[in-house]
Every structure is written in C-alpha cells, then in structure tokens.
Amino acid sequence: QKIEGWLAAAERSIQIADAKVQDPAIVRLLVQKAASGIAVRVLGDEAH
C-alpha cells in the first residue's frame, strides 16, 4: 500500500536499485509513470 501510493505520486523521477523488480502491479505502475513522462530507471542484473 505504501509503496504503490508513493510511486503513484512521483512527479519527476523514479530510480530503483533492485535485482528482482517482478511484481506485476508494480511493473504496470512503473510503465504508466514512464508513459506520463516520469523518468523511470532500474539498476538490476542481466538475469532479471
């Protein structure tokens, strides 16, 4: 609840360092924010 609400309120940028960004709802939210012009960047590993 806290993370989804916080990400939804992002106005400029979202930066994530996480090798396992896999939750479908979180990924959909990140795609929506990117489509709205928010800079979304993920540092991870090649496998994921």
All heavy atoms as atom14 arrays in JSON, in Angstrom:
{
  "sequence": "QKIEGWLAAAERSIQIADAKVQDPAIVRLLVQKAASGIAVRVLGDEAH",
  "atom14_mask": [
    [1, 1, 1, 1, 1, 1, 1, 1, 1, 0, 0, 0, 0, 0],
    [1, 1, 1, 1, 1, 1, 1, 1, 1, 0, 0, 0, 0, 0],
    [1, 1, 1, 1, 1, 1, 1, 1, 0, 0, 0, 0, 0, 0],
    [1, 1, 1, 1, 1, 1, 1, 1, 1, 0, 0, 0, 0, 0],
    [1, 1, 1, 1, 0, 0, 0, 0, 0, 0, 0, 0, 0, 0],
    [1, 1, 1, 1, 1, 1, 1, 1, 1, 1, 1, 1, 1, 1],
    [1, 1, 1, 1, 1, 1, 1, 1, 0, 0, 0, 0, 0, 0],
    [1, 1, 1, 1, 1, 0, 0, 0, 0, 0, 0, 0, 0, 0],
    [1, 1, 1, 1, 1, 0, 0, 0, 0, 0, 0, 0, 0, 0],
    [1, 1, 1, 1, 1, 0, 0, 0, 0, 0, 0, 0, 0, 0],
    [1, 1, 1, 1, 1, 1, 1, 1, 1, 0, 0, 0, 0, 0],
    [1, 1, 1, 1, 1, 1, 1, 1, 1, 1, 1, 0, 0, 0],
    [1, 1, 1, 1, 1, 1, 0, 0, 0, 0, 0, 0, 0, 0],
    [1, 1, 1, 1, 1, 1, 1, 1, 0, 0, 0, 0, 0, 0],
    [1, 1, 1, 1, 1, 1, 1, 1, 1, 0, 0, 0, 0, 0],
    [1, 1, 1, 1, 1, 1, 1, 1, 0, 0, 0, 0, 0, 0],
    [1, 1, 1, 1, 1, 0, 0, 0, 0, 0, 0, 0, 0, 0],
    [1, 1, 1, 1, 1, 1, 1, 1, 0, 0, 0, 0, 0, 0],
    [1, 1, 1, 1, 1, 0, 0, 0, 0, 0, 0, 0, 0, 0],
    [1, 1, 1, 1, 1, 1, 1, 1, 1, 0, 0, 0, 0, 0],
    [1, 1, 1, 1, 1, 1, 1, 0, 0, 0, 0, 0, 0, 0],
    [1, 1, 1, 1, 1, 1, 1, 1, 1, 0, 0, 0, 0, 0],
    [1, 1, 1, 1, 1, 1, 1, 1, 0, 0, 0, 0, 0, 0],
    [1, 1, 1, 1, 1, 1, 1, 0, 0, 0, 0, 0, 0, 0],
    [1, 1, 1, 1, 1, 0, 0, 0, 0, 0, 0, 0, 0, 0],
    [1, 1, 1, 1, 1, 1, 1, 1, 0, 0, 0, 0, 0, 0],
    [1, 1, 1, 1, 1, 1, 1, 0, 0, 0, 0, 0, 0, 0],
    [1, 1, 1, 1, 1, 1, 1, 1, 1, 1, 1, 0, 0, 0],
    [1, 1, 1, 1, 1, 1, 1, 1, 0, 0, 0, 0, 0, 0],
    [1, 1, 1, 1, 1, 1, 1, 1, 0, 0, 0, 0, 0, 0],
    [1, 1, 1, 1, 1, 1, 1, 0, 0, 0, 0, 0, 0, 0],
    [1, 1, 1, 1, 1, 1, 1, 1, 1, 0, 0, 0, 0, 0],
    [1, 1, 1, 1, 1, 1, 1, 1, 1, 0, 0, 0, 0, 0],
    [1, 1, 1, 1, 1, 0, 0, 0, 0, 0, 0, 0, 0, 0],
    [1, 1, 1, 1, 1, 0, 0, 0, 0, 0, 0, 0, 0, 0],
    [1, 1, 1, 1, 1, 1, 0, 0, 0, 0, 0, 0, 0, 0],
    [1, 1, 1, 1, 0, 0, 0, 0, 0, 0, 0, 0, 0, 0],
    [1, 1, 1, 1, 1, 1, 1, 1, 0, 0, 0, 0, 0, 0],
    [1, 1, 1, 1, 1, 0, 0, 0, 0, 0, 0, 0, 0, 0],
    [1, 1, 1, 1, 1, 1, 1, 0, 0, 0, 0, 0, 0, 0],
    [1, 1, 1, 1, 1, 1, 1, 1, 1, 1, 1, 0, 0, 0],
    [1, 1, 1, 1, 1, 1, 1, 0, 0, 0, 0, 0, 0, 0],
    [1, 1, 1, 1, 1, 1, 1, 1, 0, 0, 0, 0, 0, 0],
    [1, 1, 1, 1, 0, 0, 0, 0, 0, 0, 0, 0, 0, 0],
    [1, 1, 1, 1, 1, 1, 1, 1, 0, 0, 0, 0, 0, 0],
    [1, 1, 1, 1, 1, 1, 1, 1, 1, 0, 0, 0, 0, 0],
    [1, 1, 1, 1, 1, 0, 0, 0, 0, 0, 0, 0, 0, 0],
    [1, 1, 1, 1, 1, 1, 1, 1, 1, 1, 0, 0, 0, 0]
  ],
  "atom14_positions": [
    [[0.82, -1.2, 0.0], [0.0, 0.0, 0.0], [0.86, 1.26, 0.0], [0.62, 2.2, -0.77], [-0.92, -0.01, 1.22], [-1.77, 1.24, 1.37], [-2.57, 1.23, 2.67], [-2.47, 0.3, 3.46], [-3.35, 2.27, 2.89], [0.0, 0.0, 0.0], [0.0, 0.0, 0.0], [0.0, 0.0, 0.0], [0.0, 0.0, 0.0], [0.0, 0.0, 0.0]],
    [[1.87, 1.29, 0.88], [2.71, 2.48, 0.97], [3.54, 2.69, -0.29], [3.65, 3.82, -0.79], [3.62, 2.38, 2.19], [2.9, 2.59, 3.52], [3.91, 2.76, 4.65], [3.23, 3.17, 5.94], [4.2, 3.49, 7.02], [0.0, 0.0, 0.0], [0.0, 0.0, 0.0], [0.0, 0.0, 0.0], [0.0, 0.0, 0.0], [0.0, 0.0, 0.0]],
    [[4.11, 1.62, -0.82], [4.98, 1.76, -1.99], [4.17, 2.15, -3.22], [4.57, 3.05, -3.98], [5.78, 0.46, -2.22], [6.84, 0.3, -1.13], [6.43, 0.46, -3.6], [7.58, -1.01, -1.17], [0.0, 0.0, 0.0], [0.0, 0.0, 0.0], [0.0, 0.0, 0.0], [0.0, 0.0, 0.0], [0.0, 0.0, 0.0], [0.0, 0.0, 0.0]],
    [[3.04, 1.51, -3.45], [2.24, 1.85, -4.62], [1.75, 3.29, -4.56], [1.79, 4.02, -5.56], [1.06, 0.88, -4.75], [1.48, -0.52, -5.2], [0.28, -1.44, -5.42], [-0.85, -1.03, -5.1], [0.5, -2.56, -5.92], [0.0, 0.0, 0.0], [0.0, 0.0, 0.0], [0.0, 0.0, 0.0], [0.0, 0.0, 0.0], [0.0, 0.0, 0.0]],
    [[1.29, 3.73, -3.4], [0.84, 5.11, -3.27], [1.96, 6.11, -3.47], [1.77, 7.17, -4.1], [0.0, 0.0, 0.0], [0.0, 0.0, 0.0], [0.0, 0.0, 0.0], [0.0, 0.0, 0.0], [0.0, 0.0, 0.0], [0.0, 0.0, 0.0], [0.0, 0.0, 0.0], [0.0, 0.0, 0.0], [0.0, 0.0, 0.0], [0.0, 0.0, 0.0]],
    [[3.11, 5.78, -2.97], [4.29, 6.65, -3.09], [4.76, 6.74, -4.54], [5.03, 7.83, -5.05], [5.36, 6.09, -2.16], [6.69, 6.74, -2.15], [6.98, 8.04, -1.9], [7.95, 6.08, -2.36], [8.34, 8.25, -1.94], [8.95, 7.05, -2.22], [8.31, 4.76, -2.63], [10.3, 6.75, -2.37], [9.64, 4.45, -2.75], [10.62, 5.44, -2.63]],
    [[4.85, 5.61, -5.22], [5.26, 5.61, -6.62], [4.24, 6.36, -7.49], [4.61, 7.1, -8.42], [5.43, 4.18, -7.13], [6.57, 3.36, -6.53], [6.54, 1.94, -7.08], [7.92, 4.0, -6.83], [0.0, 0.0, 0.0], [0.0, 0.0, 0.0], [0.0, 0.0, 0.0], [0.0, 0.0, 0.0], [0.0, 0.0, 0.0], [0.0, 0.0, 0.0]],
    [[2.96, 6.18, -7.19], [1.92, 6.84, -7.98], [2.01, 8.36, -7.87], [1.6, 9.08, -8.79], [0.54, 6.36, -7.53], [0.0, 0.0, 0.0], [0.0, 0.0, 0.0], [0.0, 0.0, 0.0], [0.0, 0.0, 0.0], [0.0, 0.0, 0.0], [0.0, 0.0, 0.0], [0.0, 0.0, 0.0], [0.0, 0.0, 0.0], [0.0, 0.0, 0.0]],
    [[2.55, 8.86, -6.75], [2.65, 10.3, -6.53], [3.92, 10.92, -7.12], [4.1, 12.15, -7.05], [2.58, 10.6, -5.04], [0.0, 0.0, 0.0], [0.0, 0.0, 0.0], [0.0, 0.0, 0.0], [0.0, 0.0, 0.0], [0.0, 0.0, 0.0], [0.0, 0.0, 0.0], [0.0, 0.0, 0.0], [0.0, 0.0, 0.0], [0.0, 0.0, 0.0]],
    [[4.8, 10.11, -7.71], [6.04, 10.63, -8.28], [5.75, 11.66, -9.36], [4.86, 11.48, -10.19], [6.87, 9.48, -8.85], [0.0, 0.0, 0.0], [0.0, 0.0, 0.0], [0.0, 0.0, 0.0], [0.0, 0.0, 0.0], [0.0, 0.0, 0.0], [0.0, 0.0, 0.0], [0.0, 0.0, 0.0], [0.0, 0.0, 0.0], [0.0, 0.0, 0.0]],
    [[6.51, 12.75, -9.35], [6.28, 13.85, -10.29], [7.41, 14.0, -11.31], [7.19, 14.53, -12.4], [6.11, 15.16, -9.53], [4.89, 15.17, -8.62], [4.76, 16.48, -7.86], [5.73, 17.29, -7.89], [3.7, 16.7, -7.22], [0.0, 0.0, 0.0], [0.0, 0.0, 0.0], [0.0, 0.0, 0.0], [0.0, 0.0, 0.0], [0.0, 0.0, 0.0]],
    [[8.61, 13.56, -10.97], [9.74, 13.79, -11.89], [10.52, 12.52, -12.2], [10.85, 12.27, -13.36], [10.7, 14.84, -11.29], [10.09, 16.19, -11.07], [11.12, 17.19, -10.59], [11.82, 16.74, -9.38], [11.33, 16.88, -8.15], [10.14, 17.44, -7.97], [12.0, 16.47, -7.1], [0.0, 0.0, 0.0], [0.0, 0.0, 0.0], [0.0, 0.0, 0.0]],
    [[10.84, 11.73, -11.18], [11.75, 10.61, -11.42], [11.52, 9.49, -10.43], [11.1, 9.71, -9.29], [13.21, 11.07, -11.33], [13.51, 11.53, -10.02], [0.0, 0.0, 0.0], [0.0, 0.0, 0.0], [0.0, 0.0, 0.0], [0.0, 0.0, 0.0], [0.0, 0.0, 0.0], [0.0, 0.0, 0.0], [0.0, 0.0, 0.0], [0.0, 0.0, 0.0]],
    [[11.81, 8.26, -10.88], [11.83, 7.07, -10.04], [13.11, 6.31, -10.37], [13.34, 5.95, -11.52], [10.6, 6.16, -10.29], [9.3, 6.9, -9.96], [10.71, 4.88, -9.48], [8.05, 6.12, -10.35], [0.0, 0.0, 0.0], [0.0, 0.0, 0.0], [0.0, 0.0, 0.0], [0.0, 0.0, 0.0], [0.0, 0.0, 0.0], [0.0, 0.0, 0.0]],
    [[13.94, 6.09, -9.36], [15.19, 5.35, -9.53], [15.17, 4.14, -8.6], [14.93, 4.28, -7.4], [16.39, 6.24, -9.2], [16.51, 7.48, -10.09], [17.34, 8.56, -9.42], [16.84, 9.35, -8.65], [18.63, 8.57, -9.72], [0.0, 0.0, 0.0], [0.0, 0.0, 0.0], [0.0, 0.0, 0.0], [0.0, 0.0, 0.0], [0.0, 0.0, 0.0]],
    [[15.43, 2.98, -9.16], [15.31, 1.74, -8.4], [16.61, 0.94, -8.54], [17.1, 0.73, -9.66], [14.13, 0.89, -8.91], [12.81, 1.66, -8.76], [14.06, -0.44, -8.16], [11.63, 0.98, -9.41], [0.0, 0.0, 0.0], [0.0, 0.0, 0.0], [0.0, 0.0, 0.0], [0.0, 0.0, 0.0], [0.0, 0.0, 0.0], [0.0, 0.0, 0.0]],
    [[17.15, 0.51, -7.41], [18.25, -0.46, -7.4], [17.7, -1.74, -6.79], [17.5, -1.83, -5.58], [19.43, 0.07, -6.58], [0.0, 0.0, 0.0], [0.0, 0.0, 0.0], [0.0, 0.0, 0.0], [0.0, 0.0, 0.0], [0.0, 0.0, 0.0], [0.0, 0.0, 0.0], [0.0, 0.0, 0.0], [0.0, 0.0, 0.0], [0.0, 0.0, 0.0]],
    [[17.42, -2.71, -7.64], [16.72, -3.93, -7.19], [16.86, -4.97, -8.3], [16.48, -4.72, -9.44], [15.25, -3.62, -6.92], [14.48, -4.77, -6.28], [14.89, -5.93, -6.46], [13.47, -4.51, -5.63], [0.0, 0.0, 0.0], [0.0, 0.0, 0.0], [0.0, 0.0, 0.0], [0.0, 0.0, 0.0], [0.0, 0.0, 0.0], [0.0, 0.0, 0.0]],
    [[17.38, -6.13, -7.97], [17.6, -7.16, -8.98], [16.33, -7.94, -9.31], [16.32, -8.73, -10.26], [18.67, -8.14, -8.51], [0.0, 0.0, 0.0], [0.0, 0.0, 0.0], [0.0, 0.0, 0.0], [0.0, 0.0, 0.0], [0.0, 0.0, 0.0], [0.0, 0.0, 0.0], [0.0, 0.0, 0.0], [0.0, 0.0, 0.0], [0.0, 0.0, 0.0]],
    [[15.25, -7.71, -8.56], [14.04, -8.51, -8.76], [12.8, -7.62, -8.77], [11.92, -7.72, -7.9], [13.93, -9.58, -7.66], [15.08, -10.57, -7.69], [14.99, -11.58, -6.56], [16.17, -12.54, -6.58], [16.14, -13.51, -5.46], [0.0, 0.0, 0.0], [0.0, 0.0, 0.0], [0.0, 0.0, 0.0], [0.0, 0.0, 0.0], [0.0, 0.0, 0.0]],
    [[12.7, -6.73, -9.74], [11.5, -5.92, -9.93], [10.54, -6.76, -10.76], [10.58, -6.76, -12.0], [11.83, -4.58, -10.63], [10.56, -3.74, -10.79], [12.88, -3.82, -9.84], [0.0, 0.0, 0.0], [0.0, 0.0, 0.0], [0.0, 0.0, 0.0], [0.0, 0.0, 0.0], [0.0, 0.0, 0.0], [0.0, 0.0, 0.0], [0.0, 0.0, 0.0]],
    [[9.67, -7.49, -10.08], [8.89, -8.53, -10.75], [7.39, -8.48, -10.47], [6.62, -9.13, -11.18], [9.41, -9.92, -10.35], [10.87, -10.16, -10.73], [11.41, -11.44, -10.12], [10.89, -11.96, -9.13], [12.49, -11.96, -10.7], [0.0, 0.0, 0.0], [0.0, 0.0, 0.0], [0.0, 0.0, 0.0], [0.0, 0.0, 0.0], [0.0, 0.0, 0.0]],
    [[6.97, -7.75, -9.45], [5.55, -7.75, -9.12], [4.74, -7.12, -10.26], [5.03, -5.99, -10.68], [5.31, -6.96, -7.84], [3.85, -6.92, -7.46], [3.34, -7.95, -6.97], [3.2, -5.87, -7.7], [0.0, 0.0, 0.0], [0.0, 0.0, 0.0], [0.0, 0.0, 0.0], [0.0, 0.0, 0.0], [0.0, 0.0, 0.0], [0.0, 0.0, 0.0]],
    [[3.74, -7.81, -10.8], [3.01, -7.3, -11.97], [2.38, -5.93, -11.75], [2.45, -5.06, -12.64], [1.95, -8.37, -12.22], [2.53, -9.62, -11.64], [3.3, -9.18, -10.44], [0.0, 0.0, 0.0], [0.0, 0.0, 0.0], [0.0, 0.0, 0.0], [0.0, 0.0, 0.0], [0.0, 0.0, 0.0], [0.0, 0.0, 0.0], [0.0, 0.0, 0.0]],
    [[1.79, -5.69, -10.58], [1.16, -4.4, -10.32], [2.19, -3.28, -10.26], [1.96, -2.18, -10.78], [0.35, -4.47, -9.03], [0.0, 0.0, 0.0], [0.0, 0.0, 0.0], [0.0, 0.0, 0.0], [0.0, 0.0, 0.0], [0.0, 0.0, 0.0], [0.0, 0.0, 0.0], [0.0, 0.0, 0.0], [0.0, 0.0, 0.0], [0.0, 0.0, 0.0]],
    [[3.33, -3.55, -9.65], [4.39, -2.54, -9.58], [4.94, -2.25, -10.96], [5.13, -1.08, -11.34], [5.52, -3.01, -8.64], [5.02, -3.14, -7.2], [6.71, -2.07, -8.73], [4.71, -1.85, -6.51], [0.0, 0.0, 0.0], [0.0, 0.0, 0.0], [0.0, 0.0, 0.0], [0.0, 0.0, 0.0], [0.0, 0.0, 0.0], [0.0, 0.0, 0.0]],
    [[5.17, -3.28, -11.74], [5.7, -3.08, -13.1], [4.71, -2.28, -13.94], [5.09, -1.35, -14.67], [6.02, -4.43, -13.76], [6.39, -4.23, -15.24], [7.17, -5.12, -13.03], [0.0, 0.0, 0.0], [0.0, 0.0, 0.0], [0.0, 0.0, 0.0], [0.0, 0.0, 0.0], [0.0, 0.0, 0.0], [0.0, 0.0, 0.0], [0.0, 0.0, 0.0]],
    [[3.4, -2.59, -13.86], [2.4, -1.82, -14.61], [2.41, -0.35, -14.19], [2.32, 0.55, -15.03], [1.01, -2.41, -14.38], [0.74, -3.69, -15.15], [-0.73, -4.03, -15.18], [-1.29, -4.2, -13.84], [-1.34, -5.37, -13.19], [-0.84, -6.47, -13.78], [-1.86, -5.45, -11.99], [0.0, 0.0, 0.0], [0.0, 0.0, 0.0], [0.0, 0.0, 0.0]],
    [[2.54, -0.11, -12.89], [2.58, 1.26, -12.39], [3.81, 2.0, -12.92], [3.72, 3.17, -13.32], [2.57, 1.25, -10.86], [2.62, 2.59, -10.14], [1.51, 3.52, -10.61], [2.54, 2.38, -8.63], [0.0, 0.0, 0.0], [0.0, 0.0, 0.0], [0.0, 0.0, 0.0], [0.0, 0.0, 0.0], [0.0, 0.0, 0.0], [0.0, 0.0, 0.0]],
    [[4.96, 1.33, -12.94], [6.17, 1.96, -13.47], [6.02, 2.28, -14.95], [6.46, 3.35, -15.42], [7.37, 1.04, -13.24], [7.78, 0.79, -11.78], [8.91, -0.22, -11.71], [8.19, 2.1, -11.1], [0.0, 0.0, 0.0], [0.0, 0.0, 0.0], [0.0, 0.0, 0.0], [0.0, 0.0, 0.0], [0.0, 0.0, 0.0], [0.0, 0.0, 0.0]],
    [[5.4, 1.39, -15.71], [5.17, 1.65, -17.14], [4.25, 2.85, -17.31], [4.48, 3.73, -18.17], [4.59, 0.4, -17.82], [4.13, 0.73, -19.25], [5.63, -0.72, -17.85], [0.0, 0.0, 0.0], [0.0, 0.0, 0.0], [0.0, 0.0, 0.0], [0.0, 0.0, 0.0], [0.0, 0.0, 0.0], [0.0, 0.0, 0.0], [0.0, 0.0, 0.0]],
    [[3.2, 2.95, -16.5], [2.28, 4.09, -16.57], [3.0, 5.39, -16.25], [2.79, 6.41, -16.93], [1.12, 3.88, -15.6], [0.18, 2.75, -15.98], [-0.79, 2.4, -14.87], [-0.85, 3.09, -13.85], [-1.56, 1.33, -15.06], [0.0, 0.0, 0.0], [0.0, 0.0, 0.0], [0.0, 0.0, 0.0], [0.0, 0.0, 0.0], [0.0, 0.0, 0.0]],
    [[3.85, 5.38, -15.24], [4.58, 6.6, -14.89], [5.55, 6.99, -15.99], [5.7, 8.18, -16.32], [5.32, 6.4, -13.56], [4.44, 6.09, -12.37], [3.37, 7.15, -12.13], [3.92, 8.45, -11.63], [2.85, 9.42, -11.27], [0.0, 0.0, 0.0], [0.0, 0.0, 0.0], [0.0, 0.0, 0.0], [0.0, 0.0, 0.0], [0.0, 0.0, 0.0]],
    [[6.22, 5.99, -16.59], [7.12, 6.29, -17.7], [6.36, 6.88, -18.87], [6.82, 7.84, -19.52], [7.87, 5.03, -18.11], [0.0, 0.0, 0.0], [0.0, 0.0, 0.0], [0.0, 0.0, 0.0], [0.0, 0.0, 0.0], [0.0, 0.0, 0.0], [0.0, 0.0, 0.0], [0.0, 0.0, 0.0], [0.0, 0.0, 0.0], [0.0, 0.0, 0.0]],
    [[5.18, 6.34, -19.17], [4.37, 6.85, -20.28], [3.9, 8.28, -20.03], [3.65, 9.03, -20.99], [3.17, 5.92, -20.51], [0.0, 0.0, 0.0], [0.0, 0.0, 0.0], [0.0, 0.0, 0.0], [0.0, 0.0, 0.0], [0.0, 0.0, 0.0], [0.0, 0.0, 0.0], [0.0, 0.0, 0.0], [0.0, 0.0, 0.0], [0.0, 0.0, 0.0]],
    [[3.78, 8.67, -18.77], [3.34, 10.03, -18.45], [4.47, 11.04, -18.43], [4.26, 12.21, -18.13], [2.63, 10.04, -17.09], [3.58, 9.82, -16.04], [0.0, 0.0, 0.0], [0.0, 0.0, 0.0], [0.0, 0.0, 0.0], [0.0, 0.0, 0.0], [0.0, 0.0, 0.0], [0.0, 0.0, 0.0], [0.0, 0.0, 0.0], [0.0, 0.0, 0.0]],
    [[5.69, 10.57, -18.74], [6.84, 11.48, -18.8], [7.76, 11.43, -17.61], [8.76, 12.16, -17.57], [0.0, 0.0, 0.0], [0.0, 0.0, 0.0], [0.0, 0.0, 0.0], [0.0, 0.0, 0.0], [0.0, 0.0, 0.0], [0.0, 0.0, 0.0], [0.0, 0.0, 0.0], [0.0, 0.0, 0.0], [0.0, 0.0, 0.0], [0.0, 0.0, 0.0]],
    [[7.47, 10.58, -16.63], [8.36, 10.42, -15.48], [9.57, 9.58, -15.89], [9.41, 8.55, -16.56], [7.62, 9.73, -14.31], [6.36, 10.5, -13.93], [8.53, 9.56, -13.11], [6.6, 11.88, -13.42], [0.0, 0.0, 0.0], [0.0, 0.0, 0.0], [0.0, 0.0, 0.0], [0.0, 0.0, 0.0], [0.0, 0.0, 0.0], [0.0, 0.0, 0.0]],
    [[10.76, 10.01, -15.52], [11.97, 9.25, -15.82], [12.07, 8.06, -14.88], [12.27, 8.24, -13.67], [13.2, 10.14, -15.68], [0.0, 0.0, 0.0], [0.0, 0.0, 0.0], [0.0, 0.0, 0.0], [0.0, 0.0, 0.0], [0.0, 0.0, 0.0], [0.0, 0.0, 0.0], [0.0, 0.0, 0.0], [0.0, 0.0, 0.0], [0.0, 0.0, 0.0]],
    [[11.91, 6.87, -15.41], [11.97, 5.64, -14.61], [13.2, 4.86, -15.01], [13.35, 4.46, -16.17], [10.71, 4.77, -14.81], [10.81, 3.49, -13.98], [9.45, 5.55, -14.44], [0.0, 0.0, 0.0], [0.0, 0.0, 0.0], [0.0, 0.0, 0.0], [0.0, 0.0, 0.0], [0.0, 0.0, 0.0], [0.0, 0.0, 0.0], [0.0, 0.0, 0.0]],
    [[14.1, 4.66, -14.05], [15.34, 3.92, -14.3], [15.48, 2.8, -13.28], [15.24, 3.01, -12.08], [16.56, 4.83, -14.22], [16.61, 5.9, -15.31], [17.92, 6.69, -15.24], [17.97, 7.56, -14.08], [19.08, 8.17, -13.65], [20.24, 7.96, -14.28], [19.05, 8.98, -12.61], [0.0, 0.0, 0.0], [0.0, 0.0, 0.0], [0.0, 0.0, 0.0]],
    [[15.9, 1.64, -13.74], [16.09, 0.49, -12.86], [17.51, -0.04, -13.03], [17.95, -0.35, -14.15], [15.08, -0.64, -13.17], [15.41, -1.88, -12.36], [13.66, -0.17, -12.89], [0.0, 0.0, 0.0], [0.0, 0.0, 0.0], [0.0, 0.0, 0.0], [0.0, 0.0, 0.0], [0.0, 0.0, 0.0], [0.0, 0.0, 0.0], [0.0, 0.0, 0.0]],
    [[18.23, -0.11, -11.91], [19.51, -0.81, -11.86], [19.25, -2.22, -11.36], [18.64, -2.4, -10.3], [20.47, -0.1, -10.9], [21.33, 1.03, -11.44], [22.01, 1.76, -10.29], [22.37, 0.52, -12.42], [0.0, 0.0, 0.0], [0.0, 0.0, 0.0], [0.0, 0.0, 0.0], [0.0, 0.0, 0.0], [0.0, 0.0, 0.0], [0.0, 0.0, 0.0]],
    [[19.7, -3.21, -12.11], [19.47, -4.59, -11.7], [20.58, -5.5, -12.17], [21.74, -5.1, -12.22], [0.0, 0.0, 0.0], [0.0, 0.0, 0.0], [0.0, 0.0, 0.0], [0.0, 0.0, 0.0], [0.0, 0.0, 0.0], [0.0, 0.0, 0.0], [0.0, 0.0, 0.0], [0.0, 0.0, 0.0], [0.0, 0.0, 0.0], [0.0, 0.0, 0.0]],
    [[20.23, -6.72, -12.53], [21.19, -7.61, -13.16], [20.59, -8.16, -14.44], [19.38, -8.1, -14.66], [21.65, -8.73, -12.21], [20.5, -9.62, -11.75], [19.52, -9.8, -12.5], [20.59, -10.16, -10.63], [0.0, 0.0, 0.0], [0.0, 0.0, 0.0], [0.0, 0.0, 0.0], [0.0, 0.0, 0.0], [0.0, 0.0, 0.0], [0.0, 0.0, 0.0]],
    [[21.44, -8.68, -15.29], [21.0, -9.11, -16.62], [19.96, -10.22, -16.55], [19.04, -10.27, -17.35], [22.21, -9.58, -17.44], [23.21, -8.48, -17.78], [22.66, -7.46, -18.78], [21.55, -7.68, -19.3], [23.34, -6.45, -19.01], [0.0, 0.0, 0.0], [0.0, 0.0, 0.0], [0.0, 0.0, 0.0], [0.0, 0.0, 0.0], [0.0, 0.0, 0.0]],
    [[20.08, -11.08, -15.56], [19.17, -12.23, -15.49], [17.72, -11.8, -15.33], [16.82, -12.42, -15.89], [19.58, -13.13, -14.33], [0.0, 0.0, 0.0], [0.0, 0.0, 0.0], [0.0, 0.0, 0.0], [0.0, 0.0, 0.0], [0.0, 0.0, 0.0], [0.0, 0.0, 0.0], [0.0, 0.0, 0.0], [0.0, 0.0, 0.0], [0.0, 0.0, 0.0]],
    [[17.48, -10.72, -14.56], [16.11, -10.3, -14.31], [15.71, -9.09, -15.15], [14.53, -8.9, -15.42], [15.93, -9.98, -12.82], [16.16, -11.15, -11.92], [17.37, -11.4, -11.34], [15.34, -12.15, -11.54], [17.28, -12.5, -10.61], [16.07, -12.98, -10.71], [0.0, 0.0, 0.0], [0.0, 0.0, 0.0], [0.0, 0.0, 0.0], [0.0, 0.0, 0.0]]
  ]
}
